[in-house]
Amino acid sequence: MSGGGHLPQAAFANTCVEIAGTPDTYHWKSDAGNDLLLGYCPNCGSPIYKITSKLPVMLFVAVGLLNDHALFQSPHQAFAEGCQVWDAQGK
């Protein structure tokens, strides 16, 4: 989603999030076969949110967009077992 090694995301009920403006979107299927939709800035390409058919009532927002980053604590890292040796965190 980020083009980099890490993109912290916070999950919110989609009914509790309002997106201002009109982001561009990109659709694809995950390795597990779930439908994914990425909303990103049409001007700079920065990721804004992700939606997955696995949890359709949730919206995963890029933490960098939040006004208060101090509220975010990452509970886990997805795909950490498959990361490159040079990218391992906390090992």
PDB file of N, CA and C in Angstrom:
ATOM      1  N   MET A   1       0.816  -1.189   0.000  1.00  0.00           N
ATOM      2  CA  MET A   1       0.000   0.000   0.000  1.00  0.00           C
ATOM      3  C   MET A   1       0.861   1.254   0.000  1.00  0.00           C
ATOM      4  N   SER A   2       2.056   1.189   0.577  1.00  0.00           N
ATOM      5  CA  SER A   2       2.843   2.413   0.695  1.00  0.00           C
ATOM      6  C   SER A   2       3.992   2.495  -0.297  1.00  0.00           C
ATOM      7  N   GLY A   3       4.391   1.386  -0.866  1.00  0.00           N
ATOM      8  CA  GLY A   3       5.581   1.390  -1.702  1.00  0.00           C
ATOM      9  C   GLY A   3       6.848   1.320  -0.873  1.00  0.00           C
ATOM     10  N   GLY A   4       6.705   1.373   0.436  1.00  0.00           N
ATOM     11  CA  GLY A   4       7.830   1.286   1.355  1.00  0.00           C
ATOM     12  C   GLY A   4       7.661   0.079   2.256  1.00  0.00           C
ATOM     13  N   GLY A   5       8.546  -0.045   3.210  1.00  0.00           N
ATOM     14  CA  GLY A   5       8.509  -1.190   4.102  1.00  0.00           C
ATOM     15  C   GLY A   5       7.388  -1.154   5.126  1.00  0.00           C
ATOM     16  N   HIS A   6       6.884   0.044   5.442  1.00  0.00           N
ATOM     17  CA  HIS A   6       5.915   0.144   6.534  1.00  0.00           C
ATOM     18  C   HIS A   6       4.879   1.224   6.239  1.00  0.00           C
ATOM     19  N   LEU A   7       3.652   0.955   6.621  1.00  0.00           N
ATOM     20  CA  LEU A   7       2.601   1.966   6.559  1.00  0.00           C
ATOM     21  C   LEU A   7       1.662   1.730   7.733  1.00  0.00           C
ATOM     22  N   PRO A   8       1.889   2.423   8.857  1.00  0.00           N
ATOM     23  CA  PRO A   8       0.988   2.271   9.997  1.00  0.00           C
ATOM     24  C   PRO A   8      -0.425   2.700   9.607  1.00  0.00           C
ATOM     25  N   GLN A   9      -1.396   1.866  10.002  1.00  0.00           N
ATOM     26  CA  GLN A   9      -2.801   2.136   9.708  1.00  0.00           C
ATOM     27  C   GLN A   9      -3.628   1.973  10.973  1.00  0.00           C
ATOM     28  N   ALA A  10      -4.620   2.812  11.117  1.00  0.00           N
ATOM     29  CA  ALA A  10      -5.564   2.706  12.225  1.00  0.00           C
ATOM     30  C   ALA A  10      -6.927   2.333  11.649  1.00  0.00           C
ATOM     31  N   ALA A  11      -7.610   1.402  12.299  1.00  0.00           N
ATOM     32  CA  ALA A  11      -8.908   0.930  11.823  1.00  0.00           C
ATOM     33  C   ALA A  11     -10.032   1.692  12.512  1.00  0.00           C
ATOM     34  N   PHE A  12     -10.986   2.142  11.716  1.00  0.00           N
ATOM     35  CA  PHE A  12     -12.169   2.845  12.209  1.00  0.00           C
ATOM     36  C   PHE A  12     -13.407   2.255  11.545  1.00  0.00           C
ATOM     37  N   ALA A  13     -14.532   2.277  12.254  1.00  0.00           N
ATOM     38  CA  ALA A  13     -15.793   1.912  11.611  1.00  0.00           C
ATOM     39  C   ALA A  13     -16.029   2.902  10.477  1.00  0.00           C
ATOM     40  N   ASN A  14     -16.357   2.385   9.283  1.00  0.00           N
ATOM     41  CA  ASN A  14     -16.487   3.285   8.136  1.00  0.00           C
ATOM     42  C   ASN A  14     -17.585   4.325   8.304  1.00  0.00           C
ATOM     43  N   THR A  15     -18.522   4.094   9.187  1.00  0.00           N
ATOM     44  CA  THR A  15     -19.577   5.079   9.438  1.00  0.00           C
ATOM     45  C   THR A  15     -19.089   6.249  10.294  1.00  0.00           C
ATOM     46  N   CYS A  16     -17.884   6.113  10.873  1.00  0.00           N
ATOM     47  CA  CYS A  16     -17.328   7.145  11.749  1.00  0.00           C
ATOM     48  C   CYS A  16     -16.267   8.005  11.051  1.00  0.00           C
ATOM     49  N   VAL A  17     -16.032   7.771   9.764  1.00  0.00           N
ATOM     50  CA  VAL A  17     -14.994   8.490   9.029  1.00  0.00           C
ATOM     51  C   VAL A  17     -15.621   9.237   7.860  1.00  0.00           C
ATOM     52  N   GLU A  18     -15.213  10.477   7.700  1.00  0.00           N
ATOM     53  CA  GLU A  18     -15.662  11.275   6.560  1.00  0.00           C
ATOM     54  C   GLU A  18     -14.432  11.678   5.748  1.00  0.00           C
ATOM     55  N   ILE A  19     -14.449  11.365   4.467  1.00  0.00           N
ATOM     56  CA  ILE A  19     -13.350  11.718   3.570  1.00  0.00           C
ATOM     57  C   ILE A  19     -13.752  12.987   2.817  1.00  0.00           C
ATOM     58  N   ALA A  20     -12.956  14.041   2.954  1.00  0.00           N
ATOM     59  CA  ALA A  20     -13.203  15.290   2.223  1.00  0.00           C
ATOM     60  C   ALA A  20     -12.497  15.216   0.878  1.00  0.00           C
ATOM     61  N   GLY A  21     -13.109  15.731  -0.154  1.00  0.00           N
ATOM     62  CA  GLY A  21     -12.503  15.681  -1.476  1.00  0.00           C
ATOM     63  C   GLY A  21     -12.779  14.349  -2.148  1.00  0.00           C
ATOM     64  N   THR A  22     -12.172  14.151  -3.292  1.00  0.00           N
ATOM     65  CA  THR A  22     -12.381  12.931  -4.066  1.00  0.00           C
ATOM     66  C   THR A  22     -11.048  12.249  -4.334  1.00  0.00           C
ATOM     67  N   PRO A  23     -10.717  11.242  -3.540  1.00  0.00           N
ATOM     68  CA  PRO A  23      -9.461  10.534  -3.777  1.00  0.00           C
ATOM     69  C   PRO A  23      -9.558   9.658  -5.028  1.00  0.00           C
ATOM     70  N   ASP A  24      -8.424   9.376  -5.637  1.00  0.00           N
ATOM     71  CA  ASP A  24      -8.370   8.352  -6.671  1.00  0.00           C
ATOM     72  C   ASP A  24      -8.347   7.008  -5.966  1.00  0.00           C
ATOM     73  N   THR A  25      -8.695   5.943  -6.678  1.00  0.00           N
ATOM     74  CA  THR A  25      -8.717   4.620  -6.070  1.00  0.00           C
ATOM     75  C   THR A  25      -8.021   3.603  -6.966  1.00  0.00           C
ATOM     76  N   TYR A  26      -7.524   2.577  -6.320  1.00  0.00           N
ATOM     77  CA  TYR A  26      -6.884   1.456  -7.000  1.00  0.00           C
ATOM     78  C   TYR A  26      -7.447   0.182  -6.391  1.00  0.00           C
ATOM     79  N   HIS A  27      -7.860  -0.777  -7.231  1.00  0.00           N
ATOM     80  CA  HIS A  27      -8.439  -2.041  -6.765  1.00  0.00           C
ATOM     81  C   HIS A  27      -7.493  -3.192  -7.091  1.00  0.00           C
ATOM     82  N   TRP A  28      -7.426  -4.182  -6.189  1.00  0.00           N
ATOM     83  CA  TRP A  28      -6.677  -5.402  -6.450  1.00  0.00           C
ATOM     84  C   TRP A  28      -7.158  -6.491  -5.519  1.00  0.00           C
ATOM     85  N   LYS A  29      -6.670  -7.715  -5.720  1.00  0.00           N
ATOM     86  CA  LYS A  29      -6.984  -8.840  -4.846  1.00  0.00           C
ATOM     87  C   LYS A  29      -5.752  -9.179  -4.011  1.00  0.00           C
ATOM     88  N   SER A  30      -5.996  -9.467  -2.740  1.00  0.00           N
ATOM     89  CA  SER A  30      -4.899  -9.868  -1.857  1.00  0.00           C
ATOM     90  C   SER A  30      -4.474 -11.294  -2.195  1.00  0.00           C
ATOM     91  N   ASP A  31      -3.358 -11.725  -1.618  1.00  0.00           N
ATOM     92  CA  ASP A  31      -2.898 -13.096  -1.814  1.00  0.00           C
ATOM     93  C   ASP A  31      -3.934 -14.108  -1.309  1.00  0.00           C
ATOM     94  N   ALA A  32      -4.751 -13.693  -0.344  1.00  0.00           N
ATOM     95  CA  ALA A  32      -5.787 -14.561   0.213  1.00  0.00           C
ATOM     96  C   ALA A  32      -7.088 -14.492  -0.589  1.00  0.00           C
ATOM     97  N   GLY A  33      -7.120 -13.654  -1.627  1.00  0.00           N
ATOM     98  CA  GLY A  33      -8.308 -13.559  -2.477  1.00  0.00           C
ATOM     99  C   GLY A  33      -9.308 -12.497  -2.070  1.00  0.00           C
ATOM    100  N   ASN A  34      -8.986 -11.677  -1.069  1.00  0.00           N
ATOM    101  CA  ASN A  34      -9.890 -10.608  -0.652  1.00  0.00           C
ATOM    102  C   ASN A  34      -9.766  -9.417  -1.598  1.00  0.00           C
ATOM    103  N   ASP A  35     -10.889  -8.745  -1.842  1.00  0.00           N
ATOM    104  CA  ASP A  35     -10.876  -7.520  -2.630  1.00  0.00           C
ATOM    105  C   ASP A  35     -10.348  -6.381  -1.779  1.00  0.00           C
ATOM    106  N   LEU A  36      -9.465  -5.570  -2.345  1.00  0.00           N
ATOM    107  CA  LEU A  36      -8.885  -4.420  -1.651  1.00  0.00           C
ATOM    108  C   LEU A  36      -9.104  -3.173  -2.486  1.00  0.00           C
ATOM    109  N   LEU A  37      -9.348  -2.070  -1.812  1.00  0.00           N
ATOM    110  CA  LEU A  37      -9.469  -0.774  -2.468  1.00  0.00           C
ATOM    111  C   LEU A  37      -8.597   0.207  -1.708  1.00  0.00           C
ATOM    112  N   LEU A  38      -7.725   0.888  -2.428  1.00  0.00           N
ATOM    113  CA  LEU A  38      -6.854   1.894  -1.840  1.00  0.00           C
ATOM    114  C   LEU A  38      -7.315   3.258  -2.318  1.00  0.00           C
ATOM    115  N   GLY A  39      -7.593   4.167  -1.374  1.00  0.00           N
ATOM    116  CA  GLY A  39      -7.885   5.553  -1.707  1.00  0.00           C
ATOM    117  C   GLY A  39      -6.626   6.366  -1.519  1.00  0.00           C
ATOM    118  N   TYR A  40      -6.245   7.138  -2.537  1.00  0.00           N
ATOM    119  CA  TYR A  40      -5.004   7.908  -2.445  1.00  0.00           C
ATOM    120  C   TYR A  40      -5.188   9.302  -3.028  1.00  0.00           C
ATOM    121  N   CYS A  41      -4.300  10.211  -2.662  1.00  0.00           N
ATOM    122  CA  CYS A  41      -4.360  11.594  -3.116  1.00  0.00           C
ATOM    123  C   CYS A  41      -4.088  11.658  -4.622  1.00  0.00           C
ATOM    124  N   PRO A  42      -4.988  12.273  -5.398  1.00  0.00           N
ATOM    125  CA  PRO A  42      -4.777  12.354  -6.842  1.00  0.00           C
ATOM    126  C   PRO A  42      -3.641  13.306  -7.227  1.00  0.00           C
ATOM    127  N   ASN A  43      -3.213  14.154  -6.301  1.00  0.00           N
ATOM    128  CA  ASN A  43      -2.145  15.113  -6.597  1.00  0.00           C
ATOM    129  C   ASN A  43      -0.752  14.570  -6.300  1.00  0.00           C
ATOM    130  N   CYS A  44      -0.586  13.922  -5.136  1.00  0.00           N
ATOM    131  CA  CYS A  44       0.757  13.477  -4.738  1.00  0.00           C
ATOM    132  C   CYS A  44       0.899  11.964  -4.643  1.00  0.00           C
ATOM    133  N   GLY A  45      -0.208  11.235  -4.658  1.00  0.00           N
ATOM    134  CA  GLY A  45      -0.154   9.774  -4.576  1.00  0.00           C
ATOM    135  C   GLY A  45      -0.079   9.206  -3.175  1.00  0.00           C
ATOM    136  N   SER A  46      -0.132  10.060  -2.152  1.00  0.00           N
ATOM    137  CA  SER A  46      -0.069   9.568  -0.771  1.00  0.00           C
ATOM    138  C   SER A  46      -1.278   8.716  -0.436  1.00  0.00           C
ATOM    139  N   PRO A  47      -1.069   7.561   0.220  1.00  0.00           N
ATOM    140  CA  PRO A  47      -2.199   6.726   0.616  1.00  0.00           C
ATOM    141  C   PRO A  47      -3.034   7.423   1.684  1.00  0.00           C
ATOM    142  N   ILE A  48      -4.351   7.281   1.569  1.00  0.00           N
ATOM    143  CA  ILE A  48      -5.274   7.883   2.537  1.00  0.00           C
ATOM    144  C   ILE A  48      -5.974   6.795   3.341  1.00  0.00           C
ATOM    145  N   TYR A  49      -6.547   5.816   2.641  1.00  0.00           N
ATOM    146  CA  TYR A  49      -7.272   4.753   3.331  1.00  0.00           C
ATOM    147  C   TYR A  49      -7.249   3.477   2.502  1.00  0.00           C
ATOM    148  N   LYS A  50      -7.619   2.383   3.173  1.00  0.00           N
ATOM    149  CA  LYS A  50      -7.758   1.085   2.524  1.00  0.00           C
ATOM    150  C   LYS A  50      -9.043   0.454   3.012  1.00  0.00           C
ATOM    151  N   ILE A  51      -9.740  -0.232   2.115  1.00  0.00           N
ATOM    152  CA  ILE A  51     -10.936  -1.008   2.447  1.00  0.00           C
ATOM    153  C   ILE A  51     -10.696  -2.433   1.964  1.00  0.00           C
ATOM    154  N   THR A  52     -11.090  -3.407   2.772  1.00  0.00           N
ATOM    155  CA  THR A  52     -10.942  -4.812   2.389  1.00  0.00           C
ATOM    156  C   THR A  52     -12.274  -5.543   2.519  1.00  0.00           C
ATOM    157  N   SER A  53     -12.540  -6.455   1.589  1.00  0.00           N
ATOM    158  CA  SER A  53     -13.779  -7.241   1.654  1.00  0.00           C
ATOM    159  C   SER A  53     -13.780  -8.174   2.856  1.00  0.00           C
ATOM    160  N   LYS A  54     -12.618  -8.410   3.462  1.00  0.00           N
ATOM    161  CA  LYS A  54     -12.543  -9.247   4.663  1.00  0.00           C
ATOM    162  C   LYS A  54     -13.208  -8.557   5.854  1.00  0.00           C
ATOM    163  N   LEU A  55     -13.088  -7.220   5.939  1.00  0.00           N
ATOM    164  CA  LEU A  55     -13.709  -6.428   7.004  1.00  0.00           C
ATOM    165  C   LEU A  55     -14.390  -5.213   6.371  1.00  0.00           C
ATOM    166  N   PRO A  56     -15.481  -5.413   5.659  1.00  0.00           N
ATOM    167  CA  PRO A  56     -16.080  -4.319   4.883  1.00  0.00           C
ATOM    168  C   PRO A  56     -16.645  -3.162   5.706  1.00  0.00           C
ATOM    169  N   VAL A  57     -16.846  -3.349   7.000  1.00  0.00           N
ATOM    170  CA  VAL A  57     -17.386  -2.263   7.832  1.00  0.00           C
ATOM    171  C   VAL A  57     -16.288  -1.376   8.408  1.00  0.00           C
ATOM    172  N   MET A  58     -15.020  -1.707   8.113  1.00  0.00           N
ATOM    173  CA  MET A  58     -13.890  -0.951   8.645  1.00  0.00           C
ATOM    174  C   MET A  58     -13.188  -0.175   7.537  1.00  0.00           C
ATOM    175  N   LEU A  59     -12.607   0.942   7.928  1.00  0.00           N
ATOM    176  CA  LEU A  59     -11.791   1.759   7.037  1.00  0.00           C
ATOM    177  C   LEU A  59     -10.419   1.881   7.698  1.00  0.00           C
ATOM    178  N   PHE A  60      -9.367   1.502   6.985  1.00  0.00           N
ATOM    179  CA  PHE A  60      -8.006   1.552   7.515  1.00  0.00           C
ATOM    180  C   PHE A  60      -7.352   2.839   7.023  1.00  0.00           C
ATOM    181  N   VAL A  61      -7.110   3.758   7.946  1.00  0.00           N
ATOM    182  CA  VAL A  61      -6.614   5.097   7.619  1.00  0.00           C
ATOM    183  C   VAL A  61      -5.113   5.170   7.884  1.00  0.00           C
ATOM    184  N   ALA A  62      -4.378   5.770   6.963  1.00  0.00           N
ATOM    185  CA  ALA A  62      -2.941   5.975   7.161  1.00  0.00           C
ATOM    186  C   ALA A  62      -2.737   6.870   8.376  1.00  0.00           C
ATOM    187  N   VAL A  63      -1.977   6.393   9.353  1.00  0.00           N
ATOM    188  CA  VAL A  63      -1.797   7.100  10.620  1.00  0.00           C
ATOM    189  C   VAL A  63      -1.177   8.485  10.423  1.00  0.00           C
ATOM    190  N   GLY A  64      -0.366   8.654   9.407  1.00  0.00           N
ATOM    191  CA  GLY A  64       0.257   9.945   9.144  1.00  0.00           C
ATOM    192  C   GLY A  64      -0.741  11.063   8.901  1.00  0.00           C
ATOM    193  N   LEU A  65      -1.993  10.711   8.609  1.00  0.00           N
ATOM    194  CA  LEU A  65      -3.035  11.709   8.370  1.00  0.00           C
ATOM    195  C   LEU A  65      -3.739  12.160   9.641  1.00  0.00           C
ATOM    196  N   LEU A  66      -3.542  11.426  10.736  1.00  0.00           N
ATOM    197  CA  LEU A  66      -4.237  11.751  11.976  1.00  0.00           C
ATOM    198  C   LEU A  66      -3.657  13.016  12.607  1.00  0.00           C
ATOM    199  N   ASN A  67      -4.507  13.806  13.221  1.00  0.00           N
ATOM    200  CA  ASN A  67      -4.047  15.020  13.898  1.00  0.00           C
ATOM    201  C   ASN A  67      -3.193  14.716  15.111  1.00  0.00           C
ATOM    202  N   ASP A  68      -3.505  13.630  15.826  1.00  0.00           N
ATOM    203  CA  ASP A  68      -2.769  13.285  17.037  1.00  0.00           C
ATOM    204  C   ASP A  68      -2.186  11.885  16.883  1.00  0.00           C
ATOM    205  N   HIS A  69      -0.923  11.789  16.491  1.00  0.00           N
ATOM    206  CA  HIS A  69      -0.274  10.494  16.299  1.00  0.00           C
ATOM    207  C   HIS A  69      -0.025   9.764  17.609  1.00  0.00           C
ATOM    208  N   ALA A  70      -0.014  10.492  18.716  1.00  0.00           N
ATOM    209  CA  ALA A  70       0.275   9.887  20.015  1.00  0.00           C
ATOM    210  C   ALA A  70      -0.786   8.873  20.427  1.00  0.00           C
ATOM    211  N   LEU A  71      -1.973   8.966  19.868  1.00  0.00           N
ATOM    212  CA  LEU A  71      -3.051   8.041  20.219  1.00  0.00           C
ATOM    213  C   LEU A  71      -2.860   6.665  19.587  1.00  0.00           C
ATOM    214  N   PHE A  72      -2.003   6.568  18.580  1.00  0.00           N
ATOM    215  CA  PHE A  72      -1.836   5.315  17.840  1.00  0.00           C
ATOM    216  C   PHE A  72      -0.788   4.426  18.483  1.00  0.00           C
ATOM    217  N   GLN A  73      -1.154   3.167  18.725  1.00  0.00           N
ATOM    218  CA  GLN A  73      -0.217   2.147  19.175  1.00  0.00           C
ATOM    219  C   GLN A  73      -0.448   0.919  18.296  1.00  0.00           C
ATOM    220  N   SER A  74       0.586   0.475  17.628  1.00  0.00           N
ATOM    221  CA  SER A  74       0.463  -0.657  16.720  1.00  0.00           C
ATOM    222  C   SER A  74       0.371  -1.964  17.502  1.00  0.00           C
ATOM    223  N   PRO A  75      -0.737  -2.701  17.348  1.00  0.00           N
ATOM    224  CA  PRO A  75      -0.876  -3.961  18.083  1.00  0.00           C
ATOM    225  C   PRO A  75      -0.074  -5.104  17.472  1.00  0.00           C
ATOM    226  N   HIS A  76       0.211  -5.025  16.179  1.00  0.00           N
ATOM    227  CA  HIS A  76       0.967  -6.096  15.526  1.00  0.00           C
ATOM    228  C   HIS A  76       1.493  -5.609  14.173  1.00  0.00           C
ATOM    229  N   GLN A  77       2.360  -6.425  13.584  1.00  0.00           N
ATOM    230  CA  GLN A  77       2.873  -6.145  12.251  1.00  0.00           C
ATOM    231  C   GLN A  77       2.427  -7.257  11.317  1.00  0.00           C
ATOM    232  N   ALA A  78       1.732  -6.897  10.249  1.00  0.00           N
ATOM    233  CA  ALA A  78       1.288  -7.885   9.267  1.00  0.00           C
ATOM    234  C   ALA A  78       2.461  -8.303   8.390  1.00  0.00           C
ATOM    235  N   PHE A  79       2.514  -9.563   8.038  1.00  0.00           N
ATOM    236  CA  PHE A  79       3.525 -10.129   7.155  1.00  0.00           C
ATOM    237  C   PHE A  79       4.940 -10.012   7.716  1.00  0.00           C
ATOM    238  N   ALA A  80       5.093  -9.844   9.036  1.00  0.00           N
ATOM    239  CA  ALA A  80       6.420  -9.708   9.644  1.00  0.00           C
ATOM    240  C   ALA A  80       7.264 -10.958   9.436  1.00  0.00           C
ATOM    241  N   GLU A  81       6.611 -12.129   9.391  1.00  0.00           N
ATOM    242  CA  GLU A  81       7.379 -13.367   9.230  1.00  0.00           C
ATOM    243  C   GLU A  81       8.013 -13.474   7.843  1.00  0.00           C
ATOM    244  N   GLY A  82       7.498 -12.726   6.875  1.00  0.00           N
ATOM    245  CA  GLY A  82       8.045 -12.783   5.524  1.00  0.00           C
ATOM    246  C   GLY A  82       8.926 -11.601   5.170  1.00  0.00           C
ATOM    247  N   CYS A  83       9.278 -10.790   6.153  1.00  0.00           N
ATOM    248  CA  CYS A  83      10.057  -9.583   5.855  1.00  0.00           C
ATOM    249  C   CYS A  83      11.507  -9.930   5.535  1.00  0.00           C
ATOM    250  N   GLN A  84      12.160  -9.028   4.858  1.00  0.00           N
ATOM    251  CA  GLN A  84      13.580  -9.184   4.553  1.00  0.00           C
ATOM    252  C   GLN A  84      14.399  -9.006   5.840  1.00  0.00           C
ATOM    253  N   VAL A  85      15.551  -9.642   5.913  1.00  0.00           N
ATOM    254  CA  VAL A  85      16.402  -9.554   7.088  1.00  0.00           C
ATOM    255  C   VAL A  85      16.732  -8.102   7.421  1.00  0.00           C
ATOM    256  N   TRP A  86      16.989  -7.285   6.398  1.00  0.00           N
ATOM    257  CA  TRP A  86      17.363  -5.887   6.613  1.00  0.00           C
ATOM    258  C   TRP A  86      16.189  -5.034   7.077  1.00  0.00           C
ATOM    259  N   ASP A  87      14.963  -5.585   7.008  1.00  0.00           N
ATOM    260  CA  ASP A  87      13.777  -4.802   7.361  1.00  0.00           C
ATOM    261  C   ASP A  87      13.132  -5.285   8.656  1.00  0.00           C
ATOM    262  N   ALA A  88      13.706  -6.258   9.305  1.00  0.00           N
ATOM    263  CA  ALA A  88      13.119  -6.819  10.534  1.00  0.00           C
ATOM    264  C   ALA A  88      13.148  -5.791  11.645  1.00  0.00           C
ATOM    265  N   GLN A  89      12.019  -5.621  12.318  1.00  0.00           N
ATOM    266  CA  GLN A  89      11.925  -4.689  13.437  1.00  0.00           C
ATOM    267  C   GLN A  89      11.680  -5.481  14.708  1.00  0.00           C
ATOM    268  N   GLY A  90      12.418  -5.121  15.737  1.00  0.00           N
ATOM    269  CA  GLY A  90      12.216  -5.744  17.035  1.00  0.00           C
ATOM    270  C   GLY A  90      12.729  -7.167  17.133  1.00  0.00           C
ATOM    271  N   LYS A  91      13.580  -7.573  16.222  1.00  0.00           N
ATOM    272  CA  LYS A  91      14.123  -8.944  16.281  1.00  0.00           C
ATOM    273  C   LYS A  91      15.550  -8.898  16.739  1.00  0.00           C
TER     274      LYS A  91
END
